[in-house]
């Protein structure tokens, strides 16, 4: 079995911590993790910036599941591409916002020794 590099392990750990923070409604983790000019593409195709992404965490949106099934990391110098498969469920009041299998891709850049997300896209997995 191949041993992951220190950077690969760090990026895998970040994915798990970020999922936990979403479940807890902890926007401070996302605030530290996302670069100021971060772009996020939500599952509905909306393109938002860091401020708008953080706003979604401080409202009435509740994540009831954020399960990671698989994480793949590719490193290119100080850039990391992380592709994750998992299940996400979230609601706002009685309205279901997300529910099912998703694949998300996060692009990280290492700045001053710390990994920062510069782009993220969450894609629903269509049933076959």
Protein backbone atom coordinates (compact mmCIF):
# COMPACT_ATOMS: atom_id res chain seq x y z
CA UNK A 1 0.00 0.00 0.00
CA UNK A 2 1.34 3.42 -1.00
CA UNK A 3 2.20 5.80 1.83
CA UNK A 4 0.66 9.27 1.46
CA UNK A 5 2.99 12.25 1.62
CA UNK A 6 2.72 14.74 4.47
CA UNK A 7 0.91 17.21 2.18
CA UNK A 8 -1.52 14.54 0.96
CA UNK A 9 -2.28 13.58 4.57
CA UNK A 10 -2.81 17.26 5.47
CA UNK A 11 -5.30 17.76 2.62
CA UNK A 12 -7.21 14.59 3.52
CA UNK A 13 -7.37 15.76 7.16
CA UNK A 14 -8.64 19.18 6.04
CA UNK A 15 -11.51 17.52 4.13
CA UNK A 16 -12.64 15.63 7.23
CA UNK A 17 -12.29 18.67 9.51
CA UNK A 18 -14.18 20.85 7.03
CA UNK A 19 -17.03 18.31 6.87
CA UNK A 20 -17.18 18.28 10.70
CA UNK A 21 -17.24 22.08 10.79
CA UNK A 22 -20.17 22.13 8.35
CA UNK A 23 -22.05 19.63 10.52
CA UNK A 24 -21.45 21.82 13.58
CA UNK A 25 -22.33 25.03 11.74
CA UNK A 26 -18.82 26.32 12.50
CA UNK A 27 -18.11 29.02 9.91
CA UNK A 28 -14.79 29.96 11.57
CA UNK A 29 -13.09 26.91 10.00
CA UNK A 30 -14.25 27.91 6.51
CA UNK A 31 -13.26 31.53 7.19
CA UNK A 32 -9.67 30.42 7.90
CA UNK A 33 -9.53 27.84 5.12
CA UNK A 34 -10.90 29.76 2.14
CA UNK A 35 -8.65 32.31 0.44
CA UNK A 36 -10.13 35.83 0.25
CA UNK A 37 -10.69 35.46 -3.50
CA UNK A 38 -12.10 31.91 -3.28
CA UNK A 39 -14.79 30.94 -5.79
CA UNK A 40 -17.35 28.25 -4.95
CA UNK A 41 -19.74 26.59 -7.40
CA UNK A 42 -22.72 25.23 -5.49
CA UNK A 43 -24.66 22.13 -6.61
CA UNK A 44 -27.34 24.30 -8.26
CA UNK A 45 -24.70 25.99 -10.44
CA UNK A 46 -24.58 29.25 -8.46
CA UNK A 47 -21.12 30.82 -8.37
CA UNK A 48 -20.39 32.53 -5.06
CA UNK A 49 -17.48 34.20 -3.32
CA UNK A 50 -16.14 33.57 0.17
CA UNK A 51 -18.50 36.08 1.81
CA UNK A 52 -21.58 34.47 0.24
CA UNK A 53 -20.36 30.96 1.10
CA UNK A 54 -19.83 31.98 4.74
CA UNK A 55 -23.28 33.58 4.84
CA UNK A 56 -24.81 30.21 3.92
CA UNK A 57 -23.28 28.74 7.09
CA UNK A 58 -24.59 31.35 9.49
CA UNK A 59 -28.26 31.22 8.51
CA UNK A 60 -30.85 28.55 9.11
CA UNK A 61 -29.18 25.93 6.93
CA UNK A 62 -28.49 22.75 8.90
CA UNK A 63 -26.27 19.94 7.64
CA UNK A 64 -27.54 16.60 8.94
CA UNK A 65 -25.03 14.44 7.06
CA UNK A 66 -21.63 15.12 5.53
CA UNK A 67 -20.10 11.70 4.96
CA UNK A 68 -16.86 11.25 3.04
CA UNK A 69 -16.52 7.95 1.17
CA UNK A 70 -13.39 8.55 -0.89
CA UNK A 71 -10.68 11.22 -1.16
CA UNK A 72 -8.16 11.48 -3.98
CA UNK A 73 -5.30 13.99 -3.79
CA UNK A 74 -3.00 15.14 -6.58
CA UNK A 75 -0.13 17.51 -5.86
CA UNK A 76 1.55 19.89 -8.30
CA UNK A 77 4.17 21.78 -6.30
CA UNK A 78 2.31 24.15 -3.98
CA UNK A 79 -1.05 23.33 -5.59
CA UNK A 80 -3.31 20.46 -4.51
CA UNK A 81 -6.37 19.14 -6.30
CA UNK A 82 -8.67 17.12 -4.03
CA UNK A 83 -11.59 15.11 -5.41
CA UNK A 84 -14.01 13.77 -2.82
CA UNK A 85 -17.03 11.49 -3.07
CA UNK A 86 -19.64 11.36 -0.36
CA UNK A 87 -23.14 11.98 0.91
CA UNK A 88 -24.46 15.39 1.93
CA UNK A 89 -27.83 16.21 3.46
CA UNK A 90 -28.92 19.71 4.46
CA UNK A 91 -32.17 21.50 5.09
CA UNK A 92 -33.44 24.98 5.83
CA UNK A 93 -36.47 24.77 8.09
CA UNK A 94 -38.61 22.02 6.58
CA UNK A 95 -37.19 22.47 3.07
CA UNK A 96 -34.60 19.92 1.93
CA UNK A 97 -31.74 21.74 0.19
CA UNK A 98 -29.32 18.89 -0.44
CA UNK A 99 -29.71 15.17 -0.20
CA UNK A 100 -27.74 12.39 -1.79
CA UNK A 101 -24.42 11.54 -3.34
CA UNK A 102 -22.05 14.31 -4.43
CA UNK A 103 -18.57 14.70 -5.85
CA UNK A 104 -16.67 17.85 -4.96
CA UNK A 105 -13.37 19.17 -6.20
CA UNK A 106 -11.33 21.58 -4.10
CA UNK A 107 -8.27 23.40 -5.42
CA UNK A 108 -5.74 24.33 -2.75
CA UNK A 109 -2.68 26.57 -2.86
CA UNK A 110 -0.03 26.49 -0.15
CA UNK A 111 0.61 30.02 1.14
CA UNK A 112 3.19 30.66 3.85
CA UNK A 113 3.09 26.97 4.82
CA UNK A 114 -0.73 26.76 5.08
CA UNK A 115 -3.18 25.23 2.60
CA UNK A 116 -5.90 27.63 1.36
CA UNK A 117 -8.89 26.78 -0.84
CA UNK A 118 -8.99 28.98 -3.94
CA UNK A 119 -11.78 27.17 -5.80
CA UNK A 120 -14.40 24.58 -4.98
CA UNK A 121 -17.17 22.88 -6.95
CA UNK A 122 -19.87 20.55 -5.62
CA UNK A 123 -21.62 18.35 -8.19
CA UNK A 124 -24.62 16.10 -7.54
CA UNK A 125 -24.26 12.51 -8.72
CA UNK A 126 -27.10 11.77 -11.11
CA UNK A 127 -28.84 8.45 -10.67
CA UNK A 128 -28.39 6.04 -13.56
